[in-house]
Amino acid sequence: MLFVTTLATLPGKTLEALEIFLKYTKIPETIRVKETLVLFGKPDLLLIFEADDEREAAQFVIQFNEIASTQTSLAFPVKEAL
């Protein structure tokens, strides 16, 4: 399953968030990071990753809650929506 998470960093936590993004210190084997992007404005960061299910995705994203407000969506190709 493909997931997209946006992160709006908390005041004073932007550098810490970037460091976590660069190091991926807590990536479980079941998570496959596809893309990480810095955005201009809010949200500040975008993370695209694959996980086997929503539970694994949620457990992965929770690590960012101390540094950012997160929003995660399940994503799929447009062709699969038709």
N, C-alpha and C. Protein backbone atom coordinates (compact mmCIF):
# COMPACT_ATOMS: atom_id res chain seq x y z
N MET A 1 0.84 -1.17 0.00
CA MET A 1 0.00 0.00 0.00
C MET A 1 0.90 1.24 0.00
N LEU A 2 0.47 2.25 -0.73
CA LEU A 2 1.23 3.49 -0.84
C LEU A 2 0.62 4.56 0.05
N PHE A 3 1.46 5.28 0.78
CA PHE A 3 1.01 6.33 1.69
C PHE A 3 1.76 7.63 1.42
N VAL A 4 1.07 8.73 1.63
CA VAL A 4 1.67 10.06 1.51
C VAL A 4 1.46 10.77 2.85
N THR A 5 2.54 11.23 3.45
CA THR A 5 2.46 11.96 4.71
C THR A 5 3.03 13.35 4.53
N THR A 6 2.28 14.36 4.97
CA THR A 6 2.80 15.72 5.01
C THR A 6 3.11 16.06 6.46
N LEU A 7 4.16 16.85 6.64
CA LEU A 7 4.57 17.27 7.97
C LEU A 7 4.69 18.78 8.02
N ALA A 8 3.97 19.38 8.93
CA ALA A 8 4.10 20.81 9.22
C ALA A 8 4.87 20.88 10.53
N THR A 9 6.13 21.26 10.46
CA THR A 9 6.97 21.20 11.65
C THR A 9 6.50 22.19 12.72
N LEU A 10 6.70 21.79 13.95
CA LEU A 10 6.36 22.64 15.09
C LEU A 10 7.41 23.74 15.20
N PRO A 11 7.07 24.89 15.80
CA PRO A 11 8.03 25.98 15.94
C PRO A 11 9.34 25.51 16.58
N GLY A 12 10.44 25.85 15.93
CA GLY A 12 11.75 25.50 16.45
C GLY A 12 12.18 24.07 16.18
N LYS A 13 11.40 23.29 15.45
CA LYS A 13 11.71 21.88 15.23
C LYS A 13 12.07 21.55 13.78
N THR A 14 12.20 22.55 12.93
CA THR A 14 12.44 22.29 11.51
C THR A 14 13.76 21.57 11.28
N LEU A 15 14.84 22.03 11.89
CA LEU A 15 16.13 21.37 11.70
C LEU A 15 16.11 19.95 12.23
N GLU A 16 15.47 19.73 13.37
CA GLU A 16 15.35 18.39 13.93
C GLU A 16 14.56 17.48 12.98
N ALA A 17 13.50 18.02 12.40
CA ALA A 17 12.69 17.24 11.46
C ALA A 17 13.52 16.86 10.23
N LEU A 18 14.30 17.79 9.72
CA LEU A 18 15.14 17.49 8.56
C LEU A 18 16.18 16.41 8.90
N GLU A 19 16.75 16.48 10.08
CA GLU A 19 17.72 15.47 10.50
C GLU A 19 17.08 14.09 10.58
N ILE A 20 15.89 14.02 11.15
CA ILE A 20 15.19 12.74 11.23
C ILE A 20 14.89 12.22 9.83
N PHE A 21 14.46 13.11 8.96
CA PHE A 21 14.18 12.72 7.58
C PHE A 21 15.43 12.16 6.90
N LEU A 22 16.56 12.82 7.11
CA LEU A 22 17.79 12.39 6.44
C LEU A 22 18.33 11.09 7.01
N LYS A 23 18.16 10.87 8.29
CA LYS A 23 18.74 9.69 8.93
C LYS A 23 17.82 8.49 8.92
N TYR A 24 16.50 8.73 8.92
CA TYR A 24 15.54 7.62 9.00
C TYR A 24 15.95 6.63 10.08
N THR A 25 16.11 7.14 11.27
CA THR A 25 16.62 6.30 12.35
C THR A 25 15.69 5.16 12.74
N LYS A 26 14.41 5.27 12.46
CA LYS A 26 13.47 4.24 12.92
C LYS A 26 12.63 3.71 11.76
N ILE A 27 13.28 3.22 10.73
CA ILE A 27 12.53 2.67 9.61
C ILE A 27 12.46 1.15 9.77
N PRO A 28 11.25 0.65 10.01
CA PRO A 28 11.09 -0.80 10.10
C PRO A 28 11.37 -1.44 8.73
N GLU A 29 11.70 -2.71 8.74
CA GLU A 29 11.96 -3.43 7.48
C GLU A 29 10.73 -3.46 6.58
N THR A 30 9.55 -3.32 7.16
CA THR A 30 8.32 -3.39 6.38
C THR A 30 7.96 -2.07 5.70
N ILE A 31 8.73 -1.01 5.97
CA ILE A 31 8.48 0.30 5.36
C ILE A 31 9.49 0.53 4.25
N ARG A 32 8.99 0.95 3.10
CA ARG A 32 9.85 1.23 1.96
C ARG A 32 9.63 2.68 1.55
N VAL A 33 10.61 3.53 1.85
CA VAL A 33 10.51 4.96 1.55
C VAL A 33 10.77 5.16 0.06
N LYS A 34 9.84 5.84 -0.60
CA LYS A 34 9.94 6.09 -2.04
C LYS A 34 10.51 7.47 -2.33
N GLU A 35 10.09 8.48 -1.54
CA GLU A 35 10.49 9.85 -1.82
C GLU A 35 10.35 10.70 -0.57
N THR A 36 11.28 11.61 -0.39
CA THR A 36 11.19 12.62 0.66
C THR A 36 11.45 13.97 0.01
N LEU A 37 10.59 14.94 0.31
CA LEU A 37 10.69 16.25 -0.33
C LEU A 37 10.53 17.36 0.70
N VAL A 38 11.30 18.43 0.52
CA VAL A 38 11.11 19.65 1.30
C VAL A 38 10.19 20.54 0.48
N LEU A 39 9.20 21.14 1.13
CA LEU A 39 8.23 22.00 0.45
C LEU A 39 8.41 23.44 0.90
N PHE A 40 8.11 24.38 0.03
CA PHE A 40 8.07 25.78 0.41
C PHE A 40 6.73 26.04 1.08
N GLY A 41 6.75 26.70 2.23
CA GLY A 41 5.50 26.98 2.95
C GLY A 41 5.08 25.78 3.77
N LYS A 42 3.83 25.81 4.20
CA LYS A 42 3.29 24.72 5.00
C LYS A 42 2.45 23.83 4.11
N PRO A 43 2.52 22.54 4.24
CA PRO A 43 3.40 21.79 5.11
C PRO A 43 4.86 21.92 4.66
N ASP A 44 5.77 21.52 5.53
CA ASP A 44 7.19 21.70 5.27
C ASP A 44 7.84 20.52 4.56
N LEU A 45 7.34 19.34 4.83
CA LEU A 45 7.96 18.12 4.30
C LEU A 45 6.91 17.17 3.78
N LEU A 46 7.32 16.35 2.80
CA LEU A 46 6.43 15.36 2.21
C LEU A 46 7.18 14.03 2.18
N LEU A 47 6.52 12.98 2.60
CA LEU A 47 7.10 11.65 2.65
C LEU A 47 6.16 10.69 1.93
N ILE A 48 6.71 9.98 0.96
CA ILE A 48 5.94 8.96 0.23
C ILE A 48 6.58 7.62 0.55
N PHE A 49 5.78 6.69 1.04
CA PHE A 49 6.32 5.39 1.43
C PHE A 49 5.31 4.29 1.22
N GLU A 50 5.81 3.06 1.20
CA GLU A 50 4.96 1.89 1.11
C GLU A 50 5.00 1.14 2.43
N ALA A 51 3.87 0.58 2.79
CA ALA A 51 3.75 -0.27 3.97
C ALA A 51 2.76 -1.38 3.63
N ASP A 52 2.85 -2.46 4.35
CA ASP A 52 1.96 -3.59 4.07
C ASP A 52 0.51 -3.30 4.47
N ASP A 53 0.32 -2.46 5.49
CA ASP A 53 -1.04 -2.14 5.91
C ASP A 53 -1.04 -0.81 6.68
N GLU A 54 -2.25 -0.36 7.03
CA GLU A 54 -2.42 0.92 7.71
C GLU A 54 -1.77 0.93 9.09
N ARG A 55 -1.81 -0.17 9.78
CA ARG A 55 -1.21 -0.26 11.12
C ARG A 55 0.28 0.02 11.07
N GLU A 56 0.98 -0.61 10.14
CA GLU A 56 2.42 -0.40 9.99
C GLU A 56 2.71 1.05 9.60
N ALA A 57 1.89 1.62 8.73
CA ALA A 57 2.06 3.01 8.32
C ALA A 57 1.90 3.94 9.52
N ALA A 58 0.88 3.70 10.32
CA ALA A 58 0.62 4.54 11.49
C ALA A 58 1.77 4.45 12.49
N GLN A 59 2.26 3.26 12.73
CA GLN A 59 3.37 3.09 13.67
C GLN A 59 4.62 3.83 13.18
N PHE A 60 4.84 3.85 11.89
CA PHE A 60 5.99 4.55 11.32
C PHE A 60 5.84 6.07 11.47
N VAL A 61 4.66 6.59 11.16
CA VAL A 61 4.43 8.04 11.17
C VAL A 61 4.42 8.61 12.59
N ILE A 62 4.04 7.81 13.57
CA ILE A 62 3.97 8.28 14.96
C ILE A 62 5.29 8.90 15.43
N GLN A 63 6.42 8.40 14.93
CA GLN A 63 7.71 8.92 15.38
C GLN A 63 7.90 10.40 15.06
N PHE A 64 7.12 10.94 14.13
CA PHE A 64 7.27 12.34 13.75
C PHE A 64 6.39 13.28 14.57
N ASN A 65 5.51 12.75 15.39
CA ASN A 65 4.54 13.58 16.12
C ASN A 65 5.16 14.54 17.12
N GLU A 66 6.37 14.29 17.58
CA GLU A 66 7.02 15.20 18.53
C GLU A 66 7.62 16.42 17.85
N ILE A 67 7.77 16.36 16.52
CA ILE A 67 8.40 17.46 15.81
C ILE A 67 7.50 18.12 14.78
N ALA A 68 6.35 17.49 14.50
CA ALA A 68 5.50 18.02 13.43
C ALA A 68 4.05 17.57 13.59
N SER A 69 3.20 18.35 12.98
CA SER A 69 1.81 17.95 12.82
C SER A 69 1.76 17.16 11.51
N THR A 70 1.28 15.93 11.57
CA THR A 70 1.31 15.07 10.39
C THR A 70 -0.09 14.81 9.86
N GLN A 71 -0.13 14.53 8.56
CA GLN A 71 -1.37 14.09 7.93
C GLN A 71 -0.98 13.03 6.92
N THR A 72 -1.59 11.86 7.03
CA THR A 72 -1.25 10.74 6.16
C THR A 72 -2.48 10.29 5.39
N SER A 73 -2.26 10.03 4.10
CA SER A 73 -3.33 9.55 3.24
C SER A 73 -2.88 8.28 2.52
N LEU A 74 -3.82 7.40 2.28
CA LEU A 74 -3.59 6.25 1.43
C LEU A 74 -3.63 6.74 -0.01
N ALA A 75 -2.68 6.32 -0.82
CA ALA A 75 -2.61 6.78 -2.20
C ALA A 75 -2.63 5.58 -3.14
N PHE A 76 -3.16 5.81 -4.36
CA PHE A 76 -3.13 4.76 -5.37
C PHE A 76 -3.20 5.41 -6.73
N PRO A 77 -2.72 4.70 -7.77
CA PRO A 77 -2.70 5.26 -9.12
C PRO A 77 -4.11 5.62 -9.60
N VAL A 78 -4.18 6.67 -10.40
CA VAL A 78 -5.47 7.14 -10.92
C VAL A 78 -6.18 6.02 -11.69
N LYS A 79 -5.46 5.23 -12.43
CA LYS A 79 -6.08 4.15 -13.21
C LYS A 79 -6.85 3.17 -12.34
N GLU A 80 -6.40 3.01 -11.07
CA GLU A 80 -7.10 2.10 -10.17
C GLU A 80 -8.37 2.72 -9.61
N ALA A 81 -8.54 4.02 -9.76
CA ALA A 81 -9.74 4.69 -9.25
C ALA A 81 -10.90 4.61 -10.25
N LEU A 82 -10.60 4.28 -11.48
CA LEU A 82 -11.63 4.23 -12.53
C LEU A 82 -12.28 2.89 -12.63
